[in-house]
Structures are given as C-alpha cells and as structure tokens.
C-alpha cells in the first residue's frame, strides 16, 4: 500500500510516536549539559549585564527638582552661638539639592563604589 493510501489515523499515531521518542532522547542526552550550560550562561550574562544596568543608576540625579526654586529638599538650617563656628545641615542636604547622584553622597557614595558599573 502506498504511503498516501495509509489510513490517516495510522500516520498520526506514527508521527506522535516518533516525536515522543525524539523528545525523550533529547531530554535524556541533553539534560546534564544543558543545565551546566544554562548555569554558566546565566552567570556570564549577569557579569556583563550588571555593570550596564547599575552604571546609569549610580549616576542618576536623585532629586528631580534639584537646582530649581521649588525644591522642597533645599531647606538647610544653620546656627551660630557666640564665637563658635556655625553649624548647618547643608553638609547633609547639599549633595542631594545640588543635583547629586548616588555616588556623590557622603557615606553611601563609598558603598556605591563597590557595585559594578
């Protein structure tokens, strides 16, 4: 009997059996190497992606209203008693209100330097 004359159900059953055997063989033979390759690819991908992703974040301006007249964070307060040097909160608020980024903050900037990028 010619192939085109075979009943349709037989062809479908043979096709399913062949696909099942091929999928099972692929799963058995490729499982170990695929898992190792996926783990290696993931770590290499992260090593290349993190500097590109964190670099812009470290240099992003923290206060979107910095250097404008309506910046609510621009509220430094200072005082001076007698002949002592004046004390002000500007040391803490200036890095943000002058358009600073994560890397320009006094203590956080050093920690951000440890991040890739």
PDB file of N, CA and C in Angstrom:
ATOM      1  N   UNK A   1       0.849  -1.160   0.000  1.00  0.00           N
ATOM      2  CA  UNK A   1       0.000   0.000   0.000  1.00  0.00           C
ATOM      3  C   UNK A   1       0.899   1.228   0.000  1.00  0.00           C
ATOM      4  N   UNK A   2       0.563   2.187  -0.795  1.00  0.00           N
ATOM      5  CA  UNK A   2       1.344   3.408  -0.882  1.00  0.00           C
ATOM      6  C   UNK A   2       1.130   4.254   0.372  1.00  0.00           C
ATOM      7  N   UNK A   3       2.081   5.125   0.637  1.00  0.00           N
ATOM      8  CA  UNK A   3       2.028   5.956   1.845  1.00  0.00           C
ATOM      9  C   UNK A   3       0.779   6.833   1.873  1.00  0.00           C
ATOM     10  N   UNK A   4       0.451   7.416   0.758  1.00  0.00           N
ATOM     11  CA  UNK A   4      -0.715   8.294   0.737  1.00  0.00           C
ATOM     12  C   UNK A   4      -2.006   7.512   0.901  1.00  0.00           C
ATOM     13  N   UNK A   5      -1.929   6.207   0.705  1.00  0.00           N
ATOM     14  CA  UNK A   5      -3.129   5.390   0.847  1.00  0.00           C
ATOM     15  C   UNK A   5      -3.299   4.866   2.268  1.00  0.00           C
ATOM     16  N   UNK A   6      -2.313   5.044   3.133  1.00  0.00           N
ATOM     17  CA  UNK A   6      -2.417   4.563   4.515  1.00  0.00           C
ATOM     18  C   UNK A   6      -3.500   5.359   5.241  1.00  0.00           C
ATOM     19  N   UNK A   7      -4.166   4.706   6.140  1.00  0.00           N
ATOM     20  CA  UNK A   7      -5.204   5.400   6.885  1.00  0.00           C
ATOM     21  C   UNK A   7      -4.611   6.586   7.670  1.00  0.00           C
ATOM     22  N   UNK A   8      -5.384   7.615   7.768  1.00  0.00           N
ATOM     23  CA  UNK A   8      -4.933   8.854   8.391  1.00  0.00           C
ATOM     24  C   UNK A   8      -4.573   8.656   9.860  1.00  0.00           C
ATOM     25  N   UNK A   9      -5.295   7.827  10.577  1.00  0.00           N
ATOM     26  CA  UNK A   9      -5.042   7.584  11.999  1.00  0.00           C
ATOM     27  C   UNK A   9      -3.695   6.908  12.211  1.00  0.00           C
ATOM     28  N   UNK A  10      -3.305   6.022  11.299  1.00  0.00           N
ATOM     29  CA  UNK A  10      -2.013   5.347  11.432  1.00  0.00           C
ATOM     30  C   UNK A  10      -0.871   6.341  11.258  1.00  0.00           C
ATOM     31  N   UNK A  11      -0.985   7.227  10.290  1.00  0.00           N
ATOM     32  CA  UNK A  11       0.075   8.226  10.080  1.00  0.00           C
ATOM     33  C   UNK A  11       0.206   9.139  11.297  1.00  0.00           C
ATOM     34  N   UNK A  12      -0.911   9.550  11.841  1.00  0.00           N
ATOM     35  CA  UNK A  12      -0.887  10.420  13.001  1.00  0.00           C
ATOM     36  C   UNK A  12      -0.260   9.709  14.205  1.00  0.00           C
ATOM     37  N   UNK A  13      -0.576   8.451  14.409  1.00  0.00           N
ATOM     38  CA  UNK A  13      -0.016   7.681  15.524  1.00  0.00           C
ATOM     39  C   UNK A  13       1.490   7.497  15.357  1.00  0.00           C
ATOM     40  N   UNK A  14       1.935   7.194  14.125  1.00  0.00           N
ATOM     41  CA  UNK A  14       3.375   7.052  13.885  1.00  0.00           C
ATOM     42  C   UNK A  14       4.105   8.374  14.103  1.00  0.00           C
ATOM     43  N   UNK A  15       3.524   9.458  13.672  1.00  0.00           N
ATOM     44  CA  UNK A  15       4.131  10.763  13.863  1.00  0.00           C
ATOM     45  C   UNK A  15       4.253  11.093  15.351  1.00  0.00           C
ATOM     46  N   UNK A  16       3.210  10.832  16.114  1.00  0.00           N
ATOM     47  CA  UNK A  16       3.255  11.081  17.558  1.00  0.00           C
ATOM     48  C   UNK A  16       4.308  10.211  18.234  1.00  0.00           C
ATOM     49  N   UNK A  17       4.394   8.965  17.862  1.00  0.00           N
ATOM     50  CA  UNK A  17       5.385   8.058  18.455  1.00  0.00           C
ATOM     51  C   UNK A  17       6.800   8.534  18.143  1.00  0.00           C
ATOM     52  N   UNK A  18       7.020   8.946  16.913  1.00  0.00           N
ATOM     53  CA  UNK A  18       8.349   9.431  16.537  1.00  0.00           C
ATOM     54  C   UNK A  18       8.725  10.695  17.288  1.00  0.00           C
ATOM     55  N   UNK A  19       7.780  11.613  17.426  1.00  0.00           N
ATOM     56  CA  UNK A  19       8.057  12.838  18.172  1.00  0.00           C
ATOM     57  C   UNK A  19       8.305  12.559  19.648  1.00  0.00           C
ATOM     58  N   UNK A  20       7.589  11.625  20.213  1.00  0.00           N
ATOM     59  CA  UNK A  20       7.770  11.273  21.614  1.00  0.00           C
ATOM     60  C   UNK A  20       9.150  10.671  21.851  1.00  0.00           C
ATOM     61  N   UNK A  21       9.571   9.768  20.970  1.00  0.00           N
ATOM     62  CA  UNK A  21      10.890   9.147  21.100  1.00  0.00           C
ATOM     63  C   UNK A  21      11.986  10.201  20.935  1.00  0.00           C
ATOM     64  N   UNK A  22      11.842  11.093  19.980  1.00  0.00           N
ATOM     65  CA  UNK A  22      12.847  12.134  19.764  1.00  0.00           C
ATOM     66  C   UNK A  22      12.929  13.076  20.960  1.00  0.00           C
ATOM     67  N   UNK A  23      11.800  13.451  21.530  1.00  0.00           N
ATOM     68  CA  UNK A  23      11.794  14.339  22.686  1.00  0.00           C
ATOM     69  C   UNK A  23      12.418  13.662  23.901  1.00  0.00           C
ATOM     70  N   UNK A  24      12.105  12.402  24.103  1.00  0.00           N
ATOM     71  CA  UNK A  24      12.672  11.666  25.237  1.00  0.00           C
ATOM     72  C   UNK A  24      14.188  11.536  25.086  1.00  0.00           C
ATOM     73  N   UNK A  25      14.665  11.216  23.899  1.00  0.00           N
ATOM     74  CA  UNK A  25      16.108  11.092  23.676  1.00  0.00           C
ATOM     75  C   UNK A  25      16.804  12.434  23.884  1.00  0.00           C
ATOM     76  N   UNK A  26      16.201  13.472  23.409  1.00  0.00           N
ATOM     77  CA  UNK A  26      16.788  14.802  23.601  1.00  0.00           C
ATOM     78  C   UNK A  26      16.851  15.182  25.066  1.00  0.00           C
ATOM     79  N   UNK A  27      15.816  14.842  25.820  1.00  0.00           N
ATOM     80  CA  UNK A  27      15.797  15.168  27.239  1.00  0.00           C
ATOM     81  C   UNK A  27      16.845  14.373  27.999  1.00  0.00           C
ATOM     82  N   UNK A  28      16.980  13.101  27.686  1.00  0.00           N
ATOM     83  CA  UNK A  28      17.945  12.250  28.385  1.00  0.00           C
ATOM     84  C   UNK A  28      19.373  12.650  28.036  1.00  0.00           C
ATOM     85  N   UNK A  29      19.656  12.846  26.788  1.00  0.00           N
ATOM     86  CA  UNK A  29      21.020  13.140  26.356  1.00  0.00           C
ATOM     87  C   UNK A  29      21.438  14.575  26.658  1.00  0.00           C
ATOM     88  N   UNK A  30      20.523  15.512  26.633  1.00  0.00           N
ATOM     89  CA  UNK A  30      20.902  16.900  26.790  1.00  0.00           C
ATOM     90  C   UNK A  30      20.667  17.483  28.164  1.00  0.00           C
ATOM     91  N   UNK A  31      20.122  16.733  29.099  1.00  0.00           N
ATOM     92  CA  UNK A  31      19.761  17.298  30.399  1.00  0.00           C
ATOM     93  C   UNK A  31      20.981  17.773  31.175  1.00  0.00           C
ATOM     94  N   UNK A  32      22.003  16.971  31.262  1.00  0.00           N
ATOM     95  CA  UNK A  32      23.183  17.333  32.048  1.00  0.00           C
ATOM     96  C   UNK A  32      23.936  18.498  31.451  1.00  0.00           C
ATOM     97  N   UNK A  33      24.207  18.437  30.183  1.00  0.00           N
ATOM     98  CA  UNK A  33      24.981  19.511  29.560  1.00  0.00           C
ATOM     99  C   UNK A  33      24.168  20.793  29.459  1.00  0.00           C
ATOM    100  N   UNK A  34      22.883  20.686  29.298  1.00  0.00           N
ATOM    101  CA  UNK A  34      22.043  21.873  29.201  1.00  0.00           C
ATOM    102  C   UNK A  34      21.988  22.603  30.536  1.00  0.00           C
ATOM    103  N   UNK A  35      21.881  21.867  31.641  1.00  0.00           N
ATOM    104  CA  UNK A  35      21.824  22.502  32.956  1.00  0.00           C
ATOM    105  C   UNK A  35      23.124  23.234  33.254  1.00  0.00           C
ATOM    106  N   UNK A  36      24.241  22.595  32.938  1.00  0.00           N
ATOM    107  CA  UNK A  36      25.536  23.239  33.174  1.00  0.00           C
ATOM    108  C   UNK A  36      25.697  24.466  32.283  1.00  0.00           C
ATOM    109  N   UNK A  37      25.302  24.338  31.031  1.00  0.00           N
ATOM    110  CA  UNK A  37      25.422  25.467  30.102  1.00  0.00           C
ATOM    111  C   UNK A  37      24.512  26.617  30.518  1.00  0.00           C
ATOM    112  N   UNK A  38      23.328  26.292  31.009  1.00  0.00           N
ATOM    113  CA  UNK A  38      22.400  27.345  31.431  1.00  0.00           C
ATOM    114  C   UNK A  38      22.948  28.094  32.643  1.00  0.00           C
ATOM    115  N   UNK A  39      23.548  27.350  33.595  1.00  0.00           N
ATOM    116  CA  UNK A  39      24.110  27.989  34.780  1.00  0.00           C
ATOM    117  C   UNK A  39      25.286  28.877  34.392  1.00  0.00           C
ATOM    118  N   UNK A  40      26.137  28.379  33.499  1.00  0.00           N
ATOM    119  CA  UNK A  40      27.289  29.162  33.055  1.00  0.00           C
ATOM    120  C   UNK A  40      26.834  30.387  32.287  1.00  0.00           C
ATOM    121  N   UNK A  41      25.869  30.214  31.400  1.00  0.00           N
ATOM    122  CA  UNK A  41      25.368  31.350  30.628  1.00  0.00           C
ATOM    123  C   UNK A  41      24.730  32.397  31.525  1.00  0.00           C
ATOM    124  N   UNK A  42      24.029  31.948  32.565  1.00  0.00           N
ATOM    125  CA  UNK A  42      23.380  32.884  33.483  1.00  0.00           C
ATOM    126  C   UNK A  42      24.414  33.715  34.224  1.00  0.00           C
ATOM    127  N   UNK A  43      25.460  33.066  34.747  1.00  0.00           N
ATOM    128  CA  UNK A  43      26.467  33.820  35.499  1.00  0.00           C
ATOM    129  C   UNK A  43      27.245  34.756  34.582  1.00  0.00           C
ATOM    130  N   UNK A  44      27.551  34.319  33.368  1.00  0.00           N
ATOM    131  CA  UNK A  44      28.247  35.191  32.425  1.00  0.00           C
ATOM    132  C   UNK A  44      27.342  36.347  31.999  1.00  0.00           C
ATOM    133  N   UNK A  45      26.072  36.067  31.815  1.00  0.00           N
ATOM    134  CA  UNK A  45      25.130  37.110  31.435  1.00  0.00           C
ATOM    135  C   UNK A  45      24.992  38.166  32.523  1.00  0.00           C
ATOM    136  N   UNK A  46      24.922  37.714  33.776  1.00  0.00           N
ATOM    137  CA  UNK A  46      24.827  38.669  34.879  1.00  0.00           C
ATOM    138  C   UNK A  46      26.100  39.493  35.006  1.00  0.00           C
ATOM    139  N   UNK A  47      27.251  38.851  34.785  1.00  0.00           N
ATOM    140  CA  UNK A  47      28.519  39.580  34.880  1.00  0.00           C
ATOM    141  C   UNK A  47      28.599  40.691  33.836  1.00  0.00           C
ATOM    142  N   UNK A  48      27.981  40.483  32.692  1.00  0.00           N
ATOM    143  CA  UNK A  48      28.001  41.502  31.647  1.00  0.00           C
ATOM    144  C   UNK A  48      26.844  42.491  31.783  1.00  0.00           C
ATOM    145  N   UNK A  49      25.729  42.057  32.344  1.00  0.00           N
ATOM    146  CA  UNK A  49      24.543  42.912  32.409  1.00  0.00           C
ATOM    147  C   UNK A  49      24.559  43.859  33.604  1.00  0.00           C
ATOM    148  N   UNK A  50      25.097  43.418  34.744  1.00  0.00           N
ATOM    149  CA  UNK A  50      25.054  44.256  35.940  1.00  0.00           C
ATOM    150  C   UNK A  50      25.781  45.586  35.775  1.00  0.00           C
ATOM    151  N   UNK A  51      27.000  45.623  35.238  1.00  0.00           N
ATOM    152  CA  UNK A  51      27.635  46.937  35.077  1.00  0.00           C
ATOM    153  C   UNK A  51      26.836  47.859  34.160  1.00  0.00           C
ATOM    154  N   UNK A  52      26.249  47.318  33.131  1.00  0.00           N
ATOM    155  CA  UNK A  52      25.453  48.141  32.229  1.00  0.00           C
ATOM    156  C   UNK A  52      24.160  48.624  32.853  1.00  0.00           C
ATOM    157  N   UNK A  53      23.616  47.843  33.776  1.00  0.00           N
ATOM    158  CA  UNK A  53      22.355  48.217  34.413  1.00  0.00           C
ATOM    159  C   UNK A  53      22.576  49.134  35.611  1.00  0.00           C
ATOM    160  N   UNK A  54      23.636  48.899  36.387  1.00  0.00           N
ATOM    161  CA  UNK A  54      23.854  49.685  37.590  1.00  0.00           C
ATOM    162  C   UNK A  54      24.618  50.980  37.338  1.00  0.00           C
ATOM    163  N   UNK A  55      25.369  51.052  36.258  1.00  0.00           N
ATOM    164  CA  UNK A  55      26.116  52.267  35.950  1.00  0.00           C
ATOM    165  C   UNK A  55      25.227  53.496  35.845  1.00  0.00           C
ATOM    166  N   UNK A  56      24.185  53.453  35.040  1.00  0.00           N
ATOM    167  CA  UNK A  56      23.291  54.619  34.952  1.00  0.00           C
ATOM    168  C   UNK A  56      22.560  54.912  36.254  1.00  0.00           C
ATOM    169  N   UNK A  57      22.247  53.892  37.032  1.00  0.00           N
ATOM    170  CA  UNK A  57      21.536  54.108  38.292  1.00  0.00           C
ATOM    171  C   UNK A  57      22.430  54.852  39.278  1.00  0.00           C
ATOM    172  N   UNK A  58      23.726  54.537  39.280  1.00  0.00           N
ATOM    173  CA  UNK A  58      24.648  55.201  40.203  1.00  0.00           C
ATOM    174  C   UNK A  58      24.863  56.664  39.834  1.00  0.00           C
ATOM    175  N   UNK A  59      24.683  57.014  38.573  1.00  0.00           N
ATOM    176  CA  UNK A  59      24.907  58.403  38.162  1.00  0.00           C
ATOM    177  C   UNK A  59      23.603  59.171  37.939  1.00  0.00           C
ATOM    178  N   UNK A  60      22.480  58.590  38.261  1.00  0.00           N
ATOM    179  CA  UNK A  60      21.180  59.228  38.091  1.00  0.00           C
ATOM    180  C   UNK A  60      20.965  60.301  39.159  1.00  0.00           C
ATOM    181  N   UNK A  61      20.465  61.455  38.771  1.00  0.00           N
ATOM    182  CA  UNK A  61      20.191  62.552  39.718  1.00  0.00           C
ATOM    183  C   UNK A  61      19.080  62.119  40.660  1.00  0.00           C
ATOM    184  N   UNK A  62      19.347  62.188  41.968  1.00  0.00           N
ATOM    185  CA  UNK A  62      18.393  61.699  42.961  1.00  0.00           C
ATOM    186  C   UNK A  62      17.177  62.601  43.119  1.00  0.00           C
ATOM    187  N   UNK A  63      17.383  63.897  43.110  1.00  0.00           N
ATOM    188  CA  UNK A  63      16.296  64.847  43.327  1.00  0.00           C
ATOM    189  C   UNK A  63      15.915  65.477  41.995  1.00  0.00           C
ATOM    190  N   UNK A  64      14.746  65.135  41.455  1.00  0.00           N
ATOM    191  CA  UNK A  64      14.380  65.691  40.153  1.00  0.00           C
ATOM    192  C   UNK A  64      14.164  67.203  40.176  1.00  0.00           C
ATOM    193  N   UNK A  65      13.929  67.793  41.336  1.00  0.00           N
ATOM    194  CA  UNK A  65      13.720  69.232  41.439  1.00  0.00           C
ATOM    195  C   UNK A  65      14.982  69.978  41.878  1.00  0.00           C
ATOM    196  N   UNK A  66      16.128  69.304  41.848  1.00  0.00           N
ATOM    197  CA  UNK A  66      17.376  69.939  42.273  1.00  0.00           C
ATOM    198  C   UNK A  66      17.693  71.138  41.386  1.00  0.00           C
ATOM    199  N   UNK A  67      18.284  72.155  42.001  1.00  0.00           N
ATOM    200  CA  UNK A  67      18.688  73.389  41.323  1.00  0.00           C
ATOM    201  C   UNK A  67      17.500  74.155  40.741  1.00  0.00           C
ATOM    202  N   UNK A  68      16.339  74.002  41.333  1.00  0.00           N
ATOM    203  CA  UNK A  68      15.172  74.773  40.929  1.00  0.00           C
ATOM    204  C   UNK A  68      14.694  75.583  42.136  1.00  0.00           C
ATOM    205  N   UNK A  69      13.878  76.550  41.913  1.00  0.00           N
ATOM    206  CA  UNK A  69      13.369  77.366  43.003  1.00  0.00           C
ATOM    207  C   UNK A  69      12.287  76.702  43.826  1.00  0.00           C
ATOM    208  N   UNK A  70      11.790  75.573  43.391  1.00  0.00           N
ATOM    209  CA  UNK A  70      10.692  74.909  44.088  1.00  0.00           C
ATOM    210  C   UNK A  70      11.114  73.589  44.731  1.00  0.00           C
ATOM    211  N   UNK A  71      12.390  73.427  44.982  1.00  0.00           N
ATOM    212  CA  UNK A  71      12.897  72.182  45.565  1.00  0.00           C
ATOM    213  C   UNK A  71      12.551  72.124  47.055  1.00  0.00           C
ATOM    214  N   UNK A  72      11.685  71.194  47.460  1.00  0.00           N
ATOM    215  CA  UNK A  72      11.320  71.126  48.878  1.00  0.00           C
ATOM    216  C   UNK A  72      12.445  70.592  49.758  1.00  0.00           C
ATOM    217  N   UNK A  73      13.450  69.954  49.174  1.00  0.00           N
ATOM    218  CA  UNK A  73      14.555  69.437  49.979  1.00  0.00           C
ATOM    219  C   UNK A  73      15.634  70.482  50.240  1.00  0.00           C
ATOM    220  N   UNK A  74      15.549  71.609  49.579  1.00  0.00           N
ATOM    221  CA  UNK A  74      16.533  72.666  49.764  1.00  0.00           C
ATOM    222  C   UNK A  74      16.145  73.472  50.995  1.00  0.00           C
ATOM    223  N   UNK A  75      16.396  72.899  52.160  1.00  0.00           N
ATOM    224  CA  UNK A  75      15.946  73.511  53.409  1.00  0.00           C
ATOM    225  C   UNK A  75      17.032  73.458  54.475  1.00  0.00           C
ATOM    226  N   UNK A  76      18.236  73.833  54.127  1.00  0.00           N
ATOM    227  CA  UNK A  76      19.333  73.813  55.091  1.00  0.00           C
ATOM    228  C   UNK A  76      19.076  74.827  56.197  1.00  0.00           C
ATOM    229  N   UNK A  77      19.406  74.428  57.400  1.00  0.00           N
ATOM    230  CA  UNK A  77      19.226  75.276  58.579  1.00  0.00           C
ATOM    231  C   UNK A  77      20.578  75.407  59.254  1.00  0.00           C
ATOM    232  N   UNK A  78      20.938  76.608  59.646  1.00  0.00           N
ATOM    233  CA  UNK A  78      22.208  76.830  60.326  1.00  0.00           C
ATOM    234  C   UNK A  78      22.054  77.729  61.526  1.00  0.00           C
ATOM    235  N   UNK A  79      23.011  77.645  62.450  1.00  0.00           N
ATOM    236  CA  UNK A  79      23.003  78.492  63.638  1.00  0.00           C
ATOM    237  C   UNK A  79      24.438  78.732  64.096  1.00  0.00           C
ATOM    238  N   UNK A  80      24.623  79.815  64.823  1.00  0.00           N
ATOM    239  CA  UNK A  80      25.924  80.135  65.389  1.00  0.00           C
ATOM    240  C   UNK A  80      25.705  80.689  66.784  1.00  0.00           C
ATOM    241  N   UNK A  81      26.452  80.155  67.712  1.00  0.00           N
ATOM    242  CA  UNK A  81      26.358  80.601  69.100  1.00  0.00           C
ATOM    243  C   UNK A  81      27.687  81.265  69.473  1.00  0.00           C
ATOM    244  N   UNK A  82      27.596  82.526  69.836  1.00  0.00           N
ATOM    245  CA  UNK A  82      28.763  83.320  70.264  1.00  0.00           C
ATOM    246  C   UNK A  82      29.867  83.270  69.219  1.00  0.00           C
ATOM    247  N   UNK A  83      31.063  82.940  69.636  1.00  0.00           N
ATOM    248  CA  UNK A  83      32.200  82.929  68.719  1.00  0.00           C
ATOM    249  C   UNK A  83      32.485  81.539  68.143  1.00  0.00           C
ATOM    250  N   UNK A  84      31.644  80.597  68.444  1.00  0.00           N
ATOM    251  CA  UNK A  84      31.858  79.244  67.932  1.00  0.00           C
ATOM    252  C   UNK A  84      31.565  79.198  66.432  1.00  0.00           C
ATOM    253  N   UNK A  85      32.156  78.246  65.720  1.00  0.00           N
ATOM    254  CA  UNK A  85      31.840  78.123  64.282  1.00  0.00           C
ATOM    255  C   UNK A  85      30.363  77.765  64.087  1.00  0.00           C
ATOM    256  N   UNK A  86      29.824  78.200  62.983  1.00  0.00           N
ATOM    257  CA  UNK A  86      28.405  77.921  62.718  1.00  0.00           C
ATOM    258  C   UNK A  86      28.207  76.444  62.396  1.00  0.00           C
ATOM    259  N   UNK A  87      27.029  75.987  62.704  1.00  0.00           N
ATOM    260  CA  UNK A  87      26.647  74.593  62.452  1.00  0.00           C
ATOM    261  C   UNK A  87      25.461  74.627  61.498  1.00  0.00           C
ATOM    262  N   UNK A  88      25.495  73.799  60.464  1.00  0.00           N
ATOM    263  CA  UNK A  88      24.434  73.823  59.457  1.00  0.00           C
ATOM    264  C   UNK A  88      24.105  72.407  58.995  1.00  0.00           C
ATOM    265  N   UNK A  89      22.900  72.241  58.512  1.00  0.00           N
ATOM    266  CA  UNK A  89      22.502  70.958  57.928  1.00  0.00           C
ATOM    267  C   UNK A  89      22.844  70.888  56.444  1.00  0.00           C
ATOM    268  N   UNK A  90      23.444  71.947  55.907  1.00  0.00           N
ATOM    269  CA  UNK A  90      23.784  71.980  54.478  1.00  0.00           C
ATOM    270  C   UNK A  90      24.752  70.867  54.092  1.00  0.00           C
ATOM    271  N   UNK A  91      25.609  70.471  55.033  1.00  0.00           N
ATOM    272  CA  UNK A  91      26.553  69.394  54.742  1.00  0.00           C
ATOM    273  C   UNK A  91      25.823  68.101  54.375  1.00  0.00           C
ATOM    274  N   UNK A  92      24.681  67.876  54.997  1.00  0.00           N
ATOM    275  CA  UNK A  92      23.919  66.662  54.724  1.00  0.00           C
ATOM    276  C   UNK A  92      22.978  66.813  53.529  1.00  0.00           C
ATOM    277  N   UNK A  93      22.448  68.033  53.305  1.00  0.00           N
ATOM    278  CA  UNK A  93      21.444  68.199  52.249  1.00  0.00           C
ATOM    279  C   UNK A  93      22.008  68.684  50.917  1.00  0.00           C
ATOM    280  N   UNK A  94      23.164  69.327  50.913  1.00  0.00           N
ATOM    281  CA  UNK A  94      23.715  69.872  49.668  1.00  0.00           C
ATOM    282  C   UNK A  94      23.981  68.831  48.578  1.00  0.00           C
ATOM    283  N   UNK A  95      24.522  67.650  48.902  1.00  0.00           N
ATOM    284  CA  UNK A  95      24.759  66.701  47.810  1.00  0.00           C
ATOM    285  C   UNK A  95      23.487  66.341  47.033  1.00  0.00           C
ATOM    286  N   UNK A  96      22.360  66.328  47.705  1.00  0.00           N
ATOM    287  CA  UNK A  96      21.108  65.981  47.030  1.00  0.00           C
ATOM    288  C   UNK A  96      20.509  67.194  46.332  1.00  0.00           C
ATOM    289  N   UNK A  97      20.505  68.347  46.998  1.00  0.00           N
ATOM    290  CA  UNK A  97      19.844  69.522  46.434  1.00  0.00           C
ATOM    291  C   UNK A  97      20.638  70.187  45.320  1.00  0.00           C
ATOM    292  N   UNK A  98      21.884  69.837  45.176  1.00  0.00           N
ATOM    293  CA  UNK A  98      22.692  70.396  44.085  1.00  0.00           C
ATOM    294  C   UNK A  98      22.724  69.462  42.873  1.00  0.00           C
ATOM    295  N   UNK A  99      21.867  68.466  42.865  1.00  0.00           N
ATOM    296  CA  UNK A  99      21.786  67.563  41.711  1.00  0.00           C
ATOM    297  C   UNK A  99      22.705  66.374  41.809  1.00  0.00           C
ATOM    298  N   UNK A 100      23.036  65.969  43.010  1.00  0.00           N
ATOM    299  CA  UNK A 100      23.950  64.854  43.215  1.00  0.00           C
ATOM    300  C   UNK A 100      23.327  63.504  42.881  1.00  0.00           C
ATOM    301  N   UNK A 101      24.196  62.555  42.670  1.00  0.00           N
ATOM    302  CA  UNK A 101      23.762  61.189  42.386  1.00  0.00           C
ATOM    303  C   UNK A 101      24.136  60.298  43.559  1.00  0.00           C
ATOM    304  N   UNK A 102      23.883  59.026  43.435  1.00  0.00           N
ATOM    305  CA  UNK A 102      24.168  58.071  44.499  1.00  0.00           C
ATOM    306  C   UNK A 102      25.656  58.057  44.834  1.00  0.00           C
ATOM    307  N   UNK A 103      26.491  58.196  43.833  1.00  0.00           N
ATOM    308  CA  UNK A 103      27.932  58.165  44.052  1.00  0.00           C
ATOM    309  C   UNK A 103      28.483  59.407  44.717  1.00  0.00           C
ATOM    310  N   UNK A 104      27.750  60.517  44.746  1.00  0.00           N
ATOM    311  CA  UNK A 104      28.243  61.749  45.348  1.00  0.00           C
ATOM    312  C   UNK A 104      27.795  61.938  46.791  1.00  0.00           C
ATOM    313  N   UNK A 105      26.962  61.061  47.304  1.00  0.00           N
ATOM    314  CA  UNK A 105      26.536  61.178  48.694  1.00  0.00           C
ATOM    315  C   UNK A 105      27.702  60.838  49.617  1.00  0.00           C
ATOM    316  N   UNK A 106      27.778  61.486  50.790  1.00  0.00           N
ATOM    317  CA  UNK A 106      28.953  61.313  51.646  1.00  0.00           C
ATOM    318  C   UNK A 106      29.289  59.874  52.032  1.00  0.00           C
ATOM    319  N   UNK A 107      28.423  59.128  52.624  1.00  0.00           N
ATOM    320  CA  UNK A 107      28.749  57.759  53.037  1.00  0.00           C
ATOM    321  C   UNK A 107      28.273  56.709  52.046  1.00  0.00           C
ATOM    322  N   UNK A 108      27.130  56.950  51.463  1.00  0.00           N
ATOM    323  CA  UNK A 108      26.546  55.996  50.516  1.00  0.00           C
ATOM    324  C   UNK A 108      27.387  55.903  49.246  1.00  0.00           C
ATOM    325  N   UNK A 109      28.045  56.999  48.881  1.00  0.00           N
ATOM    326  CA  UNK A 109      28.858  57.015  47.676  1.00  0.00           C
ATOM    327  C   UNK A 109      29.996  56.022  47.726  1.00  0.00           C
ATOM    328  N   UNK A 110      30.601  55.861  48.883  1.00  0.00           N
ATOM    329  CA  UNK A 110      31.686  54.882  49.036  1.00  0.00           C
ATOM    330  C   UNK A 110      31.139  53.464  48.885  1.00  0.00           C
ATOM    331  N   UNK A 111      29.979  53.213  49.448  1.00  0.00           N
ATOM    332  CA  UNK A 111      29.375  51.885  49.319  1.00  0.00           C
ATOM    333  C   UNK A 111      28.937  51.631  47.891  1.00  0.00           C
ATOM    334  N   UNK A 112      28.436  52.679  47.211  1.00  0.00           N
ATOM    335  CA  UNK A 112      28.020  52.516  45.820  1.00  0.00           C
ATOM    336  C   UNK A 112      29.200  52.245  44.911  1.00  0.00           C
ATOM    337  N   UNK A 113      30.395  52.687  45.322  1.00  0.00           N
ATOM    338  CA  UNK A 113      31.591  52.404  44.549  1.00  0.00           C
ATOM    339  C   UNK A 113      31.920  50.930  44.493  1.00  0.00           C
ATOM    340  N   UNK A 114      31.395  50.149  45.415  1.00  0.00           N
ATOM    341  CA  UNK A 114      31.629  48.704  45.401  1.00  0.00           C
ATOM    342  C   UNK A 114      30.770  47.976  44.385  1.00  0.00           C
ATOM    343  N   UNK A 115      29.689  48.611  43.953  1.00  0.00           N
ATOM    344  CA  UNK A 115      28.816  47.998  42.961  1.00  0.00           C
ATOM    345  C   UNK A 115      29.463  48.059  41.588  1.00  0.00           C
ATOM    346  N   UNK A 116      29.219  47.056  40.749  1.00  0.00           N
ATOM    347  CA  UNK A 116      29.797  47.112  39.394  1.00  0.00           C
ATOM    348  C   UNK A 116      29.138  48.193  38.562  1.00  0.00           C
ATOM    349  N   UNK A 117      29.900  48.743  37.637  1.00  0.00           N
ATOM    350  CA  UNK A 117      29.330  49.718  36.715  1.00  0.00           C
ATOM    351  C   UNK A 117      29.930  51.063  36.778  1.00  0.00           C
TER     352      UNK A 117
END
